Amino acid sequence: MKLKLLVVIFSSLVVLSACAGENTNTSQEDQTQIIKDLVQDFSEGTIKDKSGSITSSELIVTDSEGSEQTYDLSETDFFVSIAPYEHQTHP
């Protein structure tokens, strides 16, 4: 009887652990989408009270008071910035 109860409890824990793992992936997907949306907003100039810079590994957002928030980039995604200058480059 105790053995059956232990098997049921163990099985339940395995199932719950598997479900928790799926939520982590969704959370990572949500985080990736947030970063993509922020980069798009900065590119379009719709964010006025914050500035953003991006490296190969993170997005750094600085608000008007100078506090920074960093977002880790996914290893599978990358961002390309193309300067719209014909006769000069970035300063």
C-alpha atoms as a PDB file:
ATOM      1  CA  MET A   1       0.000   0.000   0.000  1.00  0.00           C
ATOM      2  CA  LYS A   2       2.771   2.423   0.923  1.00  0.00           C
ATOM      3  CA  LEU A   3       4.681   1.471  -2.212  1.00  0.00           C
ATOM      4  CA  LYS A   4       1.679   2.304  -4.423  1.00  0.00           C
ATOM      5  CA  LEU A   5       1.295   5.653  -2.682  1.00  0.00           C
ATOM      6  CA  LEU A   6       4.979   6.451  -3.195  1.00  0.00           C
ATOM      7  CA  VAL A   7       4.736   5.535  -6.895  1.00  0.00           C
ATOM      8  CA  VAL A   8       1.710   7.820  -7.329  1.00  0.00           C
ATOM      9  CA  ILE A   9       3.435  10.716  -5.530  1.00  0.00           C
ATOM     10  CA  PHE A  10       6.646  10.252  -7.526  1.00  0.00           C
ATOM     11  CA  SER A  11       4.706  10.097 -10.806  1.00  0.00           C
ATOM     12  CA  SER A  12       2.831  13.266  -9.895  1.00  0.00           C
ATOM     13  CA  LEU A  13       6.082  15.065  -9.146  1.00  0.00           C
ATOM     14  CA  VAL A  14       7.530  14.026 -12.499  1.00  0.00           C
ATOM     15  CA  VAL A  15       4.455  15.282 -14.346  1.00  0.00           C
ATOM     16  CA  LEU A  16       4.458  18.593 -12.444  1.00  0.00           C
ATOM     17  CA  SER A  17       8.168  19.066 -13.107  1.00  0.00           C
ATOM     18  CA  ALA A  18       7.617  18.508 -16.824  1.00  0.00           C
ATOM     19  CA  CYS A  19       4.844  21.100 -16.850  1.00  0.00           C
ATOM     20  CA  ALA A  20       7.063  23.627 -15.093  1.00  0.00           C
ATOM     21  CA  GLY A  21       9.704  23.151 -17.788  1.00  0.00           C
ATOM     22  CA  GLU A  22       7.222  24.078 -20.506  1.00  0.00           C
ATOM     23  CA  ASN A  23       6.381  27.322 -18.723  1.00  0.00           C
ATOM     24  CA  THR A  24      10.058  28.263 -18.670  1.00  0.00           C
ATOM     25  CA  ASN A  25      10.262  27.922 -22.460  1.00  0.00           C
ATOM     26  CA  THR A  26       7.182  30.073 -22.908  1.00  0.00           C
ATOM     27  CA  SER A  27       8.687  32.633 -20.569  1.00  0.00           C
ATOM     28  CA  GLN A  28      11.872  32.695 -22.685  1.00  0.00           C
ATOM     29  CA  GLU A  29       9.763  33.125 -25.821  1.00  0.00           C
ATOM     30  CA  ASP A  30       7.878  35.985 -24.154  1.00  0.00           C
ATOM     31  CA  GLN A  31      11.171  37.608 -23.106  1.00  0.00           C
ATOM     32  CA  THR A  32      12.507  37.298 -26.660  1.00  0.00           C
ATOM     33  CA  GLN A  33       9.363  38.930 -28.049  1.00  0.00           C
ATOM     34  CA  ILE A  34       9.622  41.781 -25.527  1.00  0.00           C
ATOM     35  CA  ILE A  35      13.206  42.429 -26.632  1.00  0.00           C
ATOM     36  CA  LYS A  36      12.212  42.359 -30.313  1.00  0.00           C
ATOM     37  CA  ASP A  37       9.377  44.805 -29.624  1.00  0.00           C
ATOM     38  CA  LEU A  38      11.694  47.146 -27.711  1.00  0.00           C
ATOM     39  CA  VAL A  39      14.268  47.125 -30.524  1.00  0.00           C
ATOM     40  CA  GLN A  40      11.507  47.849 -33.033  1.00  0.00           C
ATOM     41  CA  ASP A  41      10.181  50.731 -30.912  1.00  0.00           C
ATOM     42  CA  PHE A  42      13.664  52.236 -30.588  1.00  0.00           C
ATOM     43  CA  SER A  43      14.213  51.867 -34.337  1.00  0.00           C
ATOM     44  CA  GLU A  44      10.942  53.640 -35.106  1.00  0.00           C
ATOM     45  CA  GLY A  45      11.570  56.357 -32.513  1.00  0.00           C
ATOM     46  CA  THR A  46       8.333  55.668 -30.620  1.00  0.00           C
ATOM     47  CA  ILE A  47      10.115  55.519 -27.248  1.00  0.00           C
ATOM     48  CA  LYS A  48      11.014  59.063 -26.209  1.00  0.00           C
ATOM     49  CA  ASP A  49      11.917  58.895 -22.497  1.00  0.00           C
ATOM     50  CA  LYS A  50      14.419  56.034 -22.798  1.00  0.00           C
ATOM     51  CA  SER A  51      17.479  55.234 -24.863  1.00  0.00           C
ATOM     52  CA  GLY A  52      18.668  51.839 -25.956  1.00  0.00           C
ATOM     53  CA  SER A  53      21.890  50.249 -27.074  1.00  0.00           C
ATOM     54  CA  ILE A  54      22.454  46.712 -28.228  1.00  0.00           C
ATOM     55  CA  THR A  55      25.493  44.466 -28.191  1.00  0.00           C
ATOM     56  CA  SER A  56      25.948  40.934 -29.416  1.00  0.00           C
ATOM     57  CA  SER A  57      24.701  39.589 -26.080  1.00  0.00           C
ATOM     58  CA  GLU A  58      22.333  42.128 -24.504  1.00  0.00           C
ATOM     59  CA  LEU A  59      19.969  45.042 -24.946  1.00  0.00           C
ATOM     60  CA  ILE A  60      20.625  47.908 -22.525  1.00  0.00           C
ATOM     61  CA  VAL A  61      17.761  50.336 -21.873  1.00  0.00           C
ATOM     62  CA  THR A  62      18.471  53.571 -20.004  1.00  0.00           C
ATOM     63  CA  ASP A  63      15.619  55.748 -18.753  1.00  0.00           C
ATOM     64  CA  SER A  64      15.637  59.536 -18.406  1.00  0.00           C
ATOM     65  CA  GLU A  65      16.879  59.282 -14.807  1.00  0.00           C
ATOM     66  CA  GLY A  66      19.917  57.240 -15.865  1.00  0.00           C
ATOM     67  CA  SER A  67      18.937  53.849 -14.459  1.00  0.00           C
ATOM     68  CA  GLU A  68      19.742  50.922 -16.721  1.00  0.00           C
ATOM     69  CA  GLN A  69      17.913  47.683 -17.363  1.00  0.00           C
ATOM     70  CA  THR A  70      19.570  44.916 -19.361  1.00  0.00           C
ATOM     71  CA  TYR A  71      17.934  42.142 -21.354  1.00  0.00           C
ATOM     72  CA  ASP A  72      19.944  39.060 -22.346  1.00  0.00           C
ATOM     73  CA  LEU A  73      19.637  38.238 -26.037  1.00  0.00           C
ATOM     74  CA  SER A  74      18.881  34.774 -27.296  1.00  0.00           C
ATOM     75  CA  GLU A  75      21.847  32.974 -28.812  1.00  0.00           C
ATOM     76  CA  THR A  76      19.775  32.184 -31.915  1.00  0.00           C
ATOM     77  CA  ASP A  77      18.618  35.739 -32.659  1.00  0.00           C
ATOM     78  CA  PHE A  78      20.596  38.697 -33.936  1.00  0.00           C
ATOM     79  CA  PHE A  79      19.841  42.266 -34.928  1.00  0.00           C
ATOM     80  CA  VAL A  80      21.149  44.103 -37.959  1.00  0.00           C
ATOM     81  CA  SER A  81      21.403  47.875 -38.016  1.00  0.00           C
ATOM     82  CA  ILE A  82      21.752  49.576 -41.373  1.00  0.00           C
ATOM     83  CA  ALA A  83      22.737  53.234 -41.425  1.00  0.00           C
ATOM     84  CA  PRO A  84      20.699  55.252 -43.929  1.00  0.00           C
ATOM     85  CA  TYR A  85      23.629  57.497 -44.895  1.00  0.00           C
ATOM     86  CA  GLU A  86      24.769  57.822 -48.492  1.00  0.00           C
ATOM     87  CA  HIS A  87      27.842  60.032 -48.072  1.00  0.00           C
ATOM     88  CA  GLN A  88      28.939  59.517 -44.462  1.00  0.00           C
ATOM     89  CA  THR A  89      28.920  56.919 -41.694  1.00  0.00           C
ATOM     90  CA  HIS A  90      27.984  56.986 -38.033  1.00  0.00           C
ATOM     91  CA  PRO A  91      29.927  59.484 -35.884  1.00  0.00           C
END
